[in-house]
Amino acid sequence: MNVWIAIGLTVAGCYLAKLLGLLVPAGVLERPLVQRMAALLPVALLAALTAQQTFGDGQQLVLDARAAGLGAAALALVLRAPFLVVVGAGVLVT
């Protein structure tokens, strides 16, 4: 039964977040600061998630094959390789 309570709370939270987004006045959304934040926030969150998944294991800092794979993919990006080559480089090194 606890799982269904968690699911219900998650559904309610998602609905309220969506509703809150619809209730924000258009004038607030047109501000330059809000537009810059909306453009940069997904990039920052994705970078943080990548760093946490690559270098973290529980509450410890870990340097293993995942870090080498990320480095290989980053090098392929710097060399302007196509996306599939970037992914392949990360996979091969890992």
PDB file of N, CA and C in Angstrom:
ATOM      1  N   MET A   1       0.817  -1.203   0.000  1.00  0.00           N
ATOM      2  CA  MET A   1       0.000   0.000   0.000  1.00  0.00           C
ATOM      3  C   MET A   1       0.860   1.266   0.000  1.00  0.00           C
ATOM      4  N   ASN A   2       2.048   1.206   0.589  1.00  0.00           N
ATOM      5  CA  ASN A   2       2.921   2.376   0.618  1.00  0.00           C
ATOM      6  C   ASN A   2       3.355   2.795  -0.782  1.00  0.00           C
ATOM      7  N   VAL A   3       3.490   1.829  -1.682  1.00  0.00           N
ATOM      8  CA  VAL A   3       3.885   2.147  -3.050  1.00  0.00           C
ATOM      9  C   VAL A   3       2.805   2.989  -3.722  1.00  0.00           C
ATOM     10  N   TRP A   4       1.540   2.643  -3.492  1.00  0.00           N
ATOM     11  CA  TRP A   4       0.451   3.392  -4.108  1.00  0.00           C
ATOM     12  C   TRP A   4       0.340   4.798  -3.535  1.00  0.00           C
ATOM     13  N   ILE A   5       0.657   4.954  -2.275  1.00  0.00           N
ATOM     14  CA  ILE A   5       0.670   6.299  -1.686  1.00  0.00           C
ATOM     15  C   ILE A   5       1.772   7.132  -2.341  1.00  0.00           C
ATOM     16  N   ALA A   6       2.945   6.536  -2.519  1.00  0.00           N
ATOM     17  CA  ALA A   6       4.052   7.245  -3.169  1.00  0.00           C
ATOM     18  C   ALA A   6       3.698   7.605  -4.608  1.00  0.00           C
ATOM     19  N   ILE A   7       3.054   6.690  -5.312  1.00  0.00           N
ATOM     20  CA  ILE A   7       2.642   6.973  -6.692  1.00  0.00           C
ATOM     21  C   ILE A   7       1.628   8.108  -6.721  1.00  0.00           C
ATOM     22  N   GLY A   8       0.661   8.069  -5.818  1.00  0.00           N
ATOM     23  CA  GLY A   8      -0.346   9.130  -5.756  1.00  0.00           C
ATOM     24  C   GLY A   8       0.260  10.483  -5.436  1.00  0.00           C
ATOM     25  N   LEU A   9       1.197  10.521  -4.493  1.00  0.00           N
ATOM     26  CA  LEU A   9       1.858  11.783  -4.154  1.00  0.00           C
ATOM     27  C   LEU A   9       2.699  12.297  -5.325  1.00  0.00           C
ATOM     28  N   THR A  10       3.328  11.393  -6.036  1.00  0.00           N
ATOM     29  CA  THR A  10       4.116  11.796  -7.200  1.00  0.00           C
ATOM     30  C   THR A  10       3.226  12.370  -8.295  1.00  0.00           C
ATOM     31  N   VAL A  11       2.096  11.718  -8.532  1.00  0.00           N
ATOM     32  CA  VAL A  11       1.148  12.216  -9.535  1.00  0.00           C
ATOM     33  C   VAL A  11       0.653  13.602  -9.150  1.00  0.00           C
ATOM     34  N   ALA A  12       0.278  13.769  -7.882  1.00  0.00           N
ATOM     35  CA  ALA A  12      -0.217  15.069  -7.418  1.00  0.00           C
ATOM     36  C   ALA A  12       0.868  16.137  -7.531  1.00  0.00           C
ATOM     37  N   GLY A  13       2.101  15.792  -7.168  1.00  0.00           N
ATOM     38  CA  GLY A  13       3.198  16.748  -7.265  1.00  0.00           C
ATOM     39  C   GLY A  13       3.478  17.167  -8.692  1.00  0.00           C
ATOM     40  N   CYS A  14       3.470  16.213  -9.614  1.00  0.00           N
ATOM     41  CA  CYS A  14       3.692  16.533 -11.033  1.00  0.00           C
ATOM     42  C   CYS A  14       2.576  17.413 -11.579  1.00  0.00           C
ATOM     43  N   TYR A  15       1.351  17.101 -11.202  1.00  0.00           N
ATOM     44  CA  TYR A  15       0.220  17.899 -11.676  1.00  0.00           C
ATOM     45  C   TYR A  15       0.313  19.326 -11.138  1.00  0.00           C
ATOM     46  N   LEU A  16       0.651  19.472  -9.857  1.00  0.00           N
ATOM     47  CA  LEU A  16       0.763  20.809  -9.268  1.00  0.00           C
ATOM     48  C   LEU A  16       1.916  21.601  -9.889  1.00  0.00           C
ATOM     49  N   ALA A  17       3.022  20.931 -10.195  1.00  0.00           N
ATOM     50  CA  ALA A  17       4.140  21.618 -10.848  1.00  0.00           C
ATOM     51  C   ALA A  17       3.737  22.107 -12.237  1.00  0.00           C
ATOM     52  N   LYS A  18       3.012  21.277 -12.970  1.00  0.00           N
ATOM     53  CA  LYS A  18       2.531  21.668 -14.296  1.00  0.00           C
ATOM     54  C   LYS A  18       1.544  22.834 -14.189  1.00  0.00           C
ATOM     55  N   LEU A  19       0.646  22.763 -13.216  1.00  0.00           N
ATOM     56  CA  LEU A  19      -0.333  23.826 -13.013  1.00  0.00           C
ATOM     57  C   LEU A  19       0.352  25.129 -12.619  1.00  0.00           C
ATOM     58  N   LEU A  20       1.359  25.039 -11.767  1.00  0.00           N
ATOM     59  CA  LEU A  20       2.094  26.232 -11.356  1.00  0.00           C
ATOM     60  C   LEU A  20       2.767  26.889 -12.562  1.00  0.00           C
ATOM     61  N   GLY A  21       3.304  26.077 -13.471  1.00  0.00           N
ATOM     62  CA  GLY A  21       3.920  26.623 -14.678  1.00  0.00           C
ATOM     63  C   GLY A  21       2.926  27.342 -15.569  1.00  0.00           C
ATOM     64  N   LEU A  22       1.696  26.861 -15.596  1.00  0.00           N
ATOM     65  CA  LEU A  22       0.671  27.511 -16.414  1.00  0.00           C
ATOM     66  C   LEU A  22       0.165  28.805 -15.786  1.00  0.00           C
ATOM     67  N   LEU A  23       0.294  28.939 -14.477  1.00  0.00           N
ATOM     68  CA  LEU A  23      -0.225  30.108 -13.783  1.00  0.00           C
ATOM     69  C   LEU A  23       0.762  31.272 -13.725  1.00  0.00           C
ATOM     70  N   VAL A  24       2.000  31.065 -14.177  1.00  0.00           N
ATOM     71  CA  VAL A  24       2.997  32.135 -14.165  1.00  0.00           C
ATOM     72  C   VAL A  24       2.611  33.158 -15.226  1.00  0.00           C
ATOM     73  N   PRO A  25       2.552  34.443 -14.857  1.00  0.00           N
ATOM     74  CA  PRO A  25       2.180  35.478 -15.836  1.00  0.00           C
ATOM     75  C   PRO A  25       3.196  35.571 -16.979  1.00  0.00           C
ATOM     76  N   ALA A  26       2.709  35.935 -18.155  1.00  0.00           N
ATOM     77  CA  ALA A  26       3.572  36.026 -19.337  1.00  0.00           C
ATOM     78  C   ALA A  26       4.664  37.081 -19.157  1.00  0.00           C
ATOM     79  N   GLY A  27       4.371  38.139 -18.413  1.00  0.00           N
ATOM     80  CA  GLY A  27       5.366  39.184 -18.191  1.00  0.00           C
ATOM     81  C   GLY A  27       6.594  38.677 -17.459  1.00  0.00           C
ATOM     82  N   VAL A  28       6.391  37.745 -16.558  1.00  0.00           N
ATOM     83  CA  VAL A  28       7.518  37.169 -15.821  1.00  0.00           C
ATOM     84  C   VAL A  28       8.373  36.319 -16.756  1.00  0.00           C
ATOM     85  N   LEU A  29       7.732  35.582 -17.645  1.00  0.00           N
ATOM     86  CA  LEU A  29       8.458  34.697 -18.554  1.00  0.00           C
ATOM     87  C   LEU A  29       9.231  35.454 -19.624  1.00  0.00           C
ATOM     88  N   GLU A  30       8.869  36.708 -19.884  1.00  0.00           N
ATOM     89  CA  GLU A  30       9.538  37.489 -20.920  1.00  0.00           C
ATOM     90  C   GLU A  30      10.759  38.243 -20.406  1.00  0.00           C
ATOM     91  N   ARG A  31      11.016  38.198 -19.122  1.00  0.00           N
ATOM     92  CA  ARG A  31      12.195  38.879 -18.574  1.00  0.00           C
ATOM     93  C   ARG A  31      13.469  38.204 -19.084  1.00  0.00           C
ATOM     94  N   PRO A  32      14.500  38.996 -19.396  1.00  0.00           N
ATOM     95  CA  PRO A  32      15.747  38.415 -19.921  1.00  0.00           C
ATOM     96  C   PRO A  32      16.411  37.440 -18.948  1.00  0.00           C
ATOM     97  N   LEU A  33      16.369  37.739 -17.662  1.00  0.00           N
ATOM     98  CA  LEU A  33      16.988  36.842 -16.683  1.00  0.00           C
ATOM     99  C   LEU A  33      16.296  35.482 -16.676  1.00  0.00           C
ATOM    100  N   VAL A  34      14.988  35.486 -16.729  1.00  0.00           N
ATOM    101  CA  VAL A  34      14.233  34.229 -16.734  1.00  0.00           C
ATOM    102  C   VAL A  34      14.529  33.443 -18.004  1.00  0.00           C
ATOM    103  N   GLN A  35      14.637  34.113 -19.128  1.00  0.00           N
ATOM    104  CA  GLN A  35      14.930  33.420 -20.382  1.00  0.00           C
ATOM    105  C   GLN A  35      16.337  32.827 -20.375  1.00  0.00           C
ATOM    106  N   ARG A  36      17.311  33.578 -19.816  1.00  0.00           N
ATOM    107  CA  ARG A  36      18.672  33.041 -19.719  1.00  0.00           C
ATOM    108  C   ARG A  36      18.724  31.838 -18.795  1.00  0.00           C
ATOM    109  N   MET A  37      18.015  31.934 -17.667  1.00  0.00           N
ATOM    110  CA  MET A  37      17.984  30.813 -16.721  1.00  0.00           C
ATOM    111  C   MET A  37      17.322  29.594 -17.349  1.00  0.00           C
ATOM    112  N   ALA A  38      16.254  29.804 -18.093  1.00  0.00           N
ATOM    113  CA  ALA A  38      15.557  28.690 -18.738  1.00  0.00           C
ATOM    114  C   ALA A  38      16.434  28.034 -19.800  1.00  0.00           C
ATOM    115  N   ALA A  39      17.309  28.804 -20.416  1.00  0.00           N
ATOM    116  CA  ALA A  39      18.198  28.241 -21.430  1.00  0.00           C
ATOM    117  C   ALA A  39      19.375  27.497 -20.803  1.00  0.00           C
ATOM    118  N   LEU A  40      19.878  27.987 -19.670  1.00  0.00           N
ATOM    119  CA  LEU A  40      21.083  27.410 -19.079  1.00  0.00           C
ATOM    120  C   LEU A  40      20.811  26.325 -18.044  1.00  0.00           C
ATOM    121  N   LEU A  41      19.664  26.332 -17.429  1.00  0.00           N
ATOM    122  CA  LEU A  41      19.375  25.376 -16.358  1.00  0.00           C
ATOM    123  C   LEU A  41      19.401  23.921 -16.826  1.00  0.00           C
ATOM    124  N   PRO A  42      18.811  23.563 -17.954  1.00  0.00           N
ATOM    125  CA  PRO A  42      18.902  22.154 -18.378  1.00  0.00           C
ATOM    126  C   PRO A  42      20.335  21.695 -18.629  1.00  0.00           C
ATOM    127  N   VAL A  43      21.169  22.574 -19.172  1.00  0.00           N
ATOM    128  CA  VAL A  43      22.566  22.221 -19.423  1.00  0.00           C
ATOM    129  C   VAL A  43      23.290  21.974 -18.107  1.00  0.00           C
ATOM    130  N   ALA A  44      23.068  22.843 -17.127  1.00  0.00           N
ATOM    131  CA  ALA A  44      23.715  22.682 -15.830  1.00  0.00           C
ATOM    132  C   ALA A  44      23.248  21.413 -15.126  1.00  0.00           C
ATOM    133  N   LEU A  45      21.966  21.123 -15.193  1.00  0.00           N
ATOM    134  CA  LEU A  45      21.449  19.913 -14.552  1.00  0.00           C
ATOM    135  C   LEU A  45      21.991  18.656 -15.226  1.00  0.00           C
ATOM    136  N   LEU A  46      22.078  18.654 -16.543  1.00  0.00           N
ATOM    137  CA  LEU A  46      22.615  17.499 -17.252  1.00  0.00           C
ATOM    138  C   LEU A  46      24.100  17.313 -16.949  1.00  0.00           C
ATOM    139  N   ALA A  47      24.849  18.405 -16.861  1.00  0.00           N
ATOM    140  CA  ALA A  47      26.267  18.313 -16.519  1.00  0.00           C
ATOM    141  C   ALA A  47      26.454  17.777 -15.103  1.00  0.00           C
ATOM    142  N   ALA A  48      25.628  18.235 -14.171  1.00  0.00           N
ATOM    143  CA  ALA A  48      25.716  17.737 -12.796  1.00  0.00           C
ATOM    144  C   ALA A  48      25.360  16.260 -12.721  1.00  0.00           C
ATOM    145  N   LEU A  49      24.341  15.845 -13.444  1.00  0.00           N
ATOM    146  CA  LEU A  49      23.955  14.436 -13.459  1.00  0.00           C
ATOM    147  C   LEU A  49      25.060  13.578 -14.064  1.00  0.00           C
ATOM    148  N   THR A  50      25.670  14.053 -15.146  1.00  0.00           N
ATOM    149  CA  THR A  50      26.766  13.314 -15.771  1.00  0.00           C
ATOM    150  C   THR A  50      27.942  13.180 -14.815  1.00  0.00           C
ATOM    151  N   ALA A  51      28.306  14.256 -14.140  1.00  0.00           N
ATOM    152  CA  ALA A  51      29.418  14.209 -13.189  1.00  0.00           C
ATOM    153  C   ALA A  51      29.112  13.269 -12.031  1.00  0.00           C
ATOM    154  N   GLN A  52      27.899  13.322 -11.516  1.00  0.00           N
ATOM    155  CA  GLN A  52      27.533  12.457 -10.386  1.00  0.00           C
ATOM    156  C   GLN A  52      27.539  10.991 -10.797  1.00  0.00           C
ATOM    157  N   GLN A  53      27.029  10.683 -11.975  1.00  0.00           N
ATOM    158  CA  GLN A  53      26.979   9.296 -12.426  1.00  0.00           C
ATOM    159  C   GLN A  53      28.362   8.776 -12.827  1.00  0.00           C
ATOM    160  N   THR A  54      29.247   9.668 -13.264  1.00  0.00           N
ATOM    161  CA  THR A  54      30.571   9.247 -13.710  1.00  0.00           C
ATOM    162  C   THR A  54      31.541   9.098 -12.552  1.00  0.00           C
ATOM    163  N   PHE A  55      31.541  10.053 -11.641  1.00  0.00           N
ATOM    164  CA  PHE A  55      32.557  10.081 -10.594  1.00  0.00           C
ATOM    165  C   PHE A  55      32.048   9.681  -9.220  1.00  0.00           C
ATOM    166  N   GLY A  56      30.783   9.354  -9.086  1.00  0.00           N
ATOM    167  CA  GLY A  56      30.235   9.035  -7.775  1.00  0.00           C
ATOM    168  C   GLY A  56      29.779   7.599  -7.667  1.00  0.00           C
ATOM    169  N   ASP A  57      29.949   7.048  -6.471  1.00  0.00           N
ATOM    170  CA  ASP A  57      29.432   5.721  -6.150  1.00  0.00           C
ATOM    171  C   ASP A  57      28.956   5.786  -4.707  1.00  0.00           C
ATOM    172  N   GLY A  58      27.659   6.014  -4.542  1.00  0.00           N
ATOM    173  CA  GLY A  58      27.154   6.236  -3.187  1.00  0.00           C
ATOM    174  C   GLY A  58      27.608   7.608  -2.728  1.00  0.00           C
ATOM    175  N   GLN A  59      28.392   7.619  -1.664  1.00  0.00           N
ATOM    176  CA  GLN A  59      28.914   8.892  -1.159  1.00  0.00           C
ATOM    177  C   GLN A  59      30.428   8.971  -1.302  1.00  0.00           C
ATOM    178  N   GLN A  60      30.971   8.211  -2.242  1.00  0.00           N
ATOM    179  CA  GLN A  60      32.409   8.201  -2.453  1.00  0.00           C
ATOM    180  C   GLN A  60      32.741   8.699  -3.853  1.00  0.00           C
ATOM    181  N   LEU A  61      33.909   9.310  -3.964  1.00  0.00           N
ATOM    182  CA  LEU A  61      34.433   9.730  -5.261  1.00  0.00           C
ATOM    183  C   LEU A  61      35.193   8.558  -5.862  1.00  0.00           C
ATOM    184  N   VAL A  62      34.863   8.188  -7.089  1.00  0.00           N
ATOM    185  CA  VAL A  62      35.453   7.013  -7.724  1.00  0.00           C
ATOM    186  C   VAL A  62      35.996   7.408  -9.093  1.00  0.00           C
ATOM    187  N   LEU A  63      37.220   7.010  -9.367  1.00  0.00           N
ATOM    188  CA  LEU A  63      37.799   7.182 -10.701  1.00  0.00           C
ATOM    189  C   LEU A  63      38.007   5.795 -11.282  1.00  0.00           C
ATOM    190  N   ASP A  64      37.178   5.421 -12.240  1.00  0.00           N
ATOM    191  CA  ASP A  64      37.270   4.101 -12.847  1.00  0.00           C
ATOM    192  C   ASP A  64      37.114   4.229 -14.356  1.00  0.00           C
ATOM    193  N   ALA A  65      36.672   3.177 -14.995  1.00  0.00           N
ATOM    194  CA  ALA A  65      36.563   3.166 -16.455  1.00  0.00           C
ATOM    195  C   ALA A  65      35.559   4.185 -16.970  1.00  0.00           C
ATOM    196  N   ARG A  66      34.570   4.530 -16.154  1.00  0.00           N
ATOM    197  CA  ARG A  66      33.583   5.518 -16.597  1.00  0.00           C
ATOM    198  C   ARG A  66      34.239   6.866 -16.853  1.00  0.00           C
ATOM    199  N   ALA A  67      35.196   7.243 -16.000  1.00  0.00           N
ATOM    200  CA  ALA A  67      35.898   8.516 -16.185  1.00  0.00           C
ATOM    201  C   ALA A  67      36.729   8.487 -17.469  1.00  0.00           C
ATOM    202  N   ALA A  68      37.364   7.353 -17.748  1.00  0.00           N
ATOM    203  CA  ALA A  68      38.140   7.232 -18.985  1.00  0.00           C
ATOM    204  C   ALA A  68      37.226   7.308 -20.210  1.00  0.00           C
ATOM    205  N   GLY A  69      36.064   6.686 -20.126  1.00  0.00           N
ATOM    206  CA  GLY A  69      35.103   6.748 -21.230  1.00  0.00           C
ATOM    207  C   GLY A  69      34.612   8.158 -21.475  1.00  0.00           C
ATOM    208  N   LEU A  70      34.345   8.883 -20.392  1.00  0.00           N
ATOM    209  CA  LEU A  70      33.917  10.274 -20.526  1.00  0.00           C
ATOM    210  C   LEU A  70      35.031  11.120 -21.139  1.00  0.00           C
ATOM    211  N   GLY A  71      36.265  10.854 -20.722  1.00  0.00           N
ATOM    212  CA  GLY A  71      37.394  11.578 -21.296  1.00  0.00           C
ATOM    213  C   GLY A  71      37.560  11.313 -22.785  1.00  0.00           C
ATOM    214  N   ALA A  72      37.390  10.058 -23.184  1.00  0.00           N
ATOM    215  CA  ALA A  72      37.494   9.712 -24.605  1.00  0.00           C
ATOM    216  C   ALA A  72      36.383  10.379 -25.409  1.00  0.00           C
ATOM    217  N   ALA A  73      35.185  10.392 -24.862  1.00  0.00           N
ATOM    218  CA  ALA A  73      34.071  11.047 -25.549  1.00  0.00           C
ATOM    219  C   ALA A  73      34.307  12.552 -25.642  1.00  0.00           C
ATOM    220  N   ALA A  74      34.842  13.146 -24.578  1.00  0.00           N
ATOM    221  CA  ALA A  74      35.132  14.581 -24.594  1.00  0.00           C
ATOM    222  C   ALA A  74      36.200  14.904 -25.640  1.00  0.00           C
ATOM    223  N   LEU A  75      37.215  14.052 -25.731  1.00  0.00           N
ATOM    224  CA  LEU A  75      38.254  14.258 -26.741  1.00  0.00           C
ATOM    225  C   LEU A  75      37.674  14.155 -28.150  1.00  0.00           C
ATOM    226  N   ALA A  76      36.787  13.195 -28.349  1.00  0.00           N
ATOM    227  CA  ALA A  76      36.145  13.068 -29.663  1.00  0.00           C
ATOM    228  C   ALA A  76      35.298  14.298 -29.977  1.00  0.00           C
ATOM    229  N   LEU A  77      34.659  14.866 -28.964  1.00  0.00           N
ATOM    230  CA  LEU A  77      33.881  16.094 -29.181  1.00  0.00           C
ATOM    231  C   LEU A  77      34.783  17.264 -29.546  1.00  0.00           C
ATOM    232  N   VAL A  78      35.926  17.367 -28.865  1.00  0.00           N
ATOM    233  CA  VAL A  78      36.868  18.451 -29.161  1.00  0.00           C
ATOM    234  C   VAL A  78      37.374  18.329 -30.600  1.00  0.00           C
ATOM    235  N   LEU A  79      37.545  17.096 -31.058  1.00  0.00           N
ATOM    236  CA  LEU A  79      38.002  16.862 -32.429  1.00  0.00           C
ATOM    237  C   LEU A  79      36.867  16.949 -33.443  1.00  0.00           C
ATOM    238  N   ARG A  80      35.677  17.323 -32.981  1.00  0.00           N
ATOM    239  CA  ARG A  80      34.484  17.510 -33.812  1.00  0.00           C
ATOM    240  C   ARG A  80      34.069  16.240 -34.560  1.00  0.00           C
ATOM    241  N   ALA A  81      34.135  15.128 -33.853  1.00  0.00           N
ATOM    242  CA  ALA A  81      33.703  13.858 -34.439  1.00  0.00           C
ATOM    243  C   ALA A  81      32.177  13.803 -34.477  1.00  0.00           C
ATOM    244  N   PRO A  82      31.613  13.016 -35.380  1.00  0.00           N
ATOM    245  CA  PRO A  82      30.154  12.837 -35.399  1.00  0.00           C
ATOM    246  C   PRO A  82      29.674  12.180 -34.103  1.00  0.00           C
ATOM    247  N   PHE A  83      28.389  12.356 -33.822  1.00  0.00           N
ATOM    248  CA  PHE A  83      27.831  11.893 -32.554  1.00  0.00           C
ATOM    249  C   PHE A  83      28.046  10.396 -32.337  1.00  0.00           C
ATOM    250  N   LEU A  84      27.814   9.592 -33.357  1.00  0.00           N
ATOM    251  CA  LEU A  84      27.984   8.144 -33.190  1.00  0.00           C
ATOM    252  C   LEU A  84      29.435   7.772 -32.903  1.00  0.00           C
ATOM    253  N   VAL A  85      30.377   8.513 -33.446  1.00  0.00           N
ATOM    254  CA  VAL A  85      31.786   8.271 -33.153  1.00  0.00           C
ATOM    255  C   VAL A  85      32.087   8.642 -31.705  1.00  0.00           C
ATOM    256  N   VAL A  86      31.490   9.721 -31.218  1.00  0.00           N
ATOM    257  CA  VAL A  86      31.674  10.132 -29.820  1.00  0.00           C
ATOM    258  C   VAL A  86      31.162   9.039 -28.889  1.00  0.00           C
ATOM    259  N   VAL A  87      29.958   8.556 -29.159  1.00  0.00           N
ATOM    260  CA  VAL A  87      29.387   7.491 -28.329  1.00  0.00           C
ATOM    261  C   VAL A  87      30.233   6.229 -28.437  1.00  0.00           C
ATOM    262  N   GLY A  88      30.644   5.891 -29.639  1.00  0.00           N
ATOM    263  CA  GLY A  88      31.477   4.701 -29.827  1.00  0.00           C
ATOM    264  C   GLY A  88      32.803   4.797 -29.095  1.00  0.00           C
ATOM    265  N   ALA A  89      33.424   5.963 -29.101  1.00  0.00           N
ATOM    266  CA  ALA A  89      34.688   6.143 -28.380  1.00  0.00           C
ATOM    267  C   ALA A  89      34.489   5.930 -26.885  1.00  0.00           C
ATOM    268  N   GLY A  90      33.416   6.485 -26.353  1.00  0.00           N
ATOM    269  CA  GLY A  90      33.137   6.285 -24.930  1.00  0.00           C
ATOM    270  C   GLY A  90      32.887   4.832 -24.592  1.00  0.00           C
ATOM    271  N   VAL A  91      32.169   4.146 -25.460  1.00  0.00           N
ATOM    272  CA  VAL A  91      31.861   2.729 -25.216  1.00  0.00           C
ATOM    273  C   VAL A  91      33.119   1.876 -25.322  1.00  0.00           C
ATOM    274  N   LEU A  92      33.931   2.114 -26.333  1.00  0.00           N
ATOM    275  CA  LEU A  92      35.132   1.300 -26.515  1.00  0.00           C
ATOM    276  C   LEU A  92      36.123   1.465 -25.369  1.00  0.00           C
ATOM    277  N   VAL A  93      36.274   2.667 -24.864  1.00  0.00           N
ATOM    278  CA  VAL A  93      37.219   2.895 -23.772  1.00  0.00           C
ATOM    279  C   VAL A  93      36.685   2.323 -22.465  1.00  0.00           C
ATOM    280  N   THR A  94      35.384   2.413 -22.281  1.00  0.00           N
ATOM    281  CA  THR A  94      34.793   1.895 -21.048  1.00  0.00           C
ATOM    282  C   THR A  94      34.772   0.388 -21.104  1.00  0.00           C
TER     283      THR A  94
END
